[in-house]
Amino acid sequence: MPLNRKARSSMTKESHTQREVETMVAARYPSGRLQDLALDSARAVLSEAPARTQLEGTAQRYAAAVLALDEARAELTGAIIATDAPETKIAEWAGVTRMTVRKARGK
């Protein structure tokens, strides 16, 4: 049985109240700085005339952060590979686990 226009519309556009958004964010980030950041961004999207502007800006910052993380991981991996010391010492110095050191060294 085909869906009527209203049913199709509700399936393609998901709209949430501010309270629903706050509840979903709180479930994802129970407390602290990450919850505050997520709530601020969600509220900005809800209040923006075109929510797309806020979303695109946030997505661009996320892409830049992912790139920075990948670059830092590559630098750390190179440093771990070149360091001549026991795995436990390297892990201690780098502030990572010994398993991270082993993974970087291909073990």
Protein backbone atom coordinates (compact mmCIF):
# COMPACT_ATOMS: atom_id res chain seq x y z
CA MET A 1 0.00 0.00 0.00
CA PRO A 2 1.60 3.33 -1.03
CA LEU A 3 2.27 5.98 1.56
CA ASN A 4 0.31 9.19 1.43
CA ARG A 5 2.12 12.51 0.94
CA LYS A 6 2.12 13.35 4.68
CA ALA A 7 3.61 9.97 5.62
CA ARG A 8 6.33 10.27 2.94
CA SER A 9 7.14 13.79 4.12
CA SER A 10 7.52 12.73 7.74
CA MET A 11 9.88 9.93 6.68
CA THR A 12 12.21 12.23 4.78
CA LYS A 13 12.30 15.15 7.23
CA GLU A 14 13.09 14.39 10.84
CA SER A 15 12.40 17.33 13.10
CA HIS A 16 13.04 17.44 16.84
CA THR A 17 12.04 19.87 19.55
CA GLN A 18 14.75 21.55 21.58
CA ARG A 19 13.87 19.33 24.55
CA GLU A 20 14.21 16.17 22.44
CA VAL A 21 17.57 17.35 21.11
CA GLU A 22 18.81 18.12 24.64
CA THR A 23 17.71 14.67 25.81
CA MET A 24 19.51 12.95 22.91
CA VAL A 25 22.69 14.97 23.49
CA ALA A 26 22.59 14.19 27.23
CA ALA A 27 22.28 10.48 26.43
CA ARG A 28 25.32 10.67 24.15
CA TYR A 29 27.41 12.93 26.41
CA PRO A 30 26.25 12.52 30.04
CA SER A 31 28.16 15.53 31.37
CA GLY A 32 31.07 17.87 31.01
CA ARG A 33 32.68 19.90 28.29
CA LEU A 34 31.68 17.62 25.40
CA GLN A 35 28.03 17.84 26.40
CA ASP A 36 28.29 21.63 26.54
CA LEU A 37 29.86 21.76 23.08
CA ALA A 38 27.26 19.41 21.60
CA LEU A 39 24.39 21.37 23.18
CA ASP A 40 25.77 24.71 21.96
CA SER A 41 26.05 23.37 18.42
CA ALA A 42 22.59 21.78 18.51
CA ARG A 43 21.02 25.00 19.80
CA ALA A 44 22.76 26.99 17.09
CA VAL A 45 21.37 24.67 14.43
CA LEU A 46 17.88 24.96 15.93
CA SER A 47 18.05 28.76 15.98
CA GLU A 48 19.81 29.38 12.63
CA ALA A 49 17.64 30.53 9.76
CA PRO A 50 19.39 28.03 7.51
CA ALA A 51 20.59 25.27 9.86
CA ARG A 52 22.83 24.13 7.02
CA THR A 53 25.21 27.06 7.64
CA GLN A 54 25.93 25.95 11.21
CA LEU A 55 26.14 22.30 10.20
CA GLU A 56 28.57 22.98 7.36
CA GLY A 57 30.83 25.09 9.58
CA THR A 58 30.90 22.38 12.23
CA ALA A 59 31.59 19.71 9.60
CA GLN A 60 34.52 21.73 8.24
CA ARG A 61 36.05 22.03 11.73
CA TYR A 62 35.54 18.29 12.23
CA ALA A 63 37.29 17.47 8.93
CA ALA A 64 40.22 19.70 9.91
CA ALA A 65 40.44 18.00 13.31
CA VAL A 66 40.43 14.53 11.73
CA LEU A 67 43.23 15.58 9.40
CA ALA A 68 45.23 17.01 12.32
CA LEU A 69 44.71 13.78 14.27
CA ASP A 70 45.89 11.67 11.33
CA GLU A 71 49.00 13.84 10.95
CA ALA A 72 49.80 13.71 14.67
CA ARG A 73 49.31 9.93 14.68
CA ALA A 74 51.73 9.57 11.75
CA GLU A 75 54.32 11.73 13.54
CA LEU A 76 53.94 9.76 16.76
CA THR A 77 54.20 6.46 14.89
CA GLY A 78 57.43 7.57 13.23
CA ALA A 79 58.86 8.69 16.55
CA ILE A 80 57.88 5.41 18.23
CA ILE A 81 59.46 3.37 15.45
CA ALA A 82 62.73 5.33 15.68
CA THR A 83 63.02 5.34 19.48
CA ASP A 84 65.51 2.79 20.77
CA ALA A 85 64.05 1.89 24.15
CA PRO A 86 61.88 -0.78 25.73
CA GLU A 87 58.19 -0.66 24.78
CA THR A 88 57.15 0.11 28.35
CA LYS A 89 59.47 3.13 28.52
CA ILE A 90 58.30 4.47 25.15
CA ALA A 91 54.69 4.07 26.26
CA GLU A 92 55.42 5.94 29.48
CA TRP A 93 57.24 8.77 27.69
CA ALA A 94 54.57 9.12 24.99
CA GLY A 95 51.61 8.81 27.34
CA VAL A 96 50.16 5.86 25.43
CA THR A 97 49.66 2.18 26.16
CA ARG A 98 52.25 -0.46 25.43
CA MET A 99 49.84 -1.96 22.90
CA THR A 100 49.88 1.35 21.01
CA VAL A 101 53.67 1.14 20.86
CA ARG A 102 53.49 -2.47 19.64
CA LYS A 103 50.92 -1.55 16.98
CA ALA A 104 53.08 1.35 15.78
CA ARG A 105 56.02 -1.02 15.45
CA GLY A 106 53.94 -3.54 13.52
CA LYS A 107 53.95 -6.23 16.19
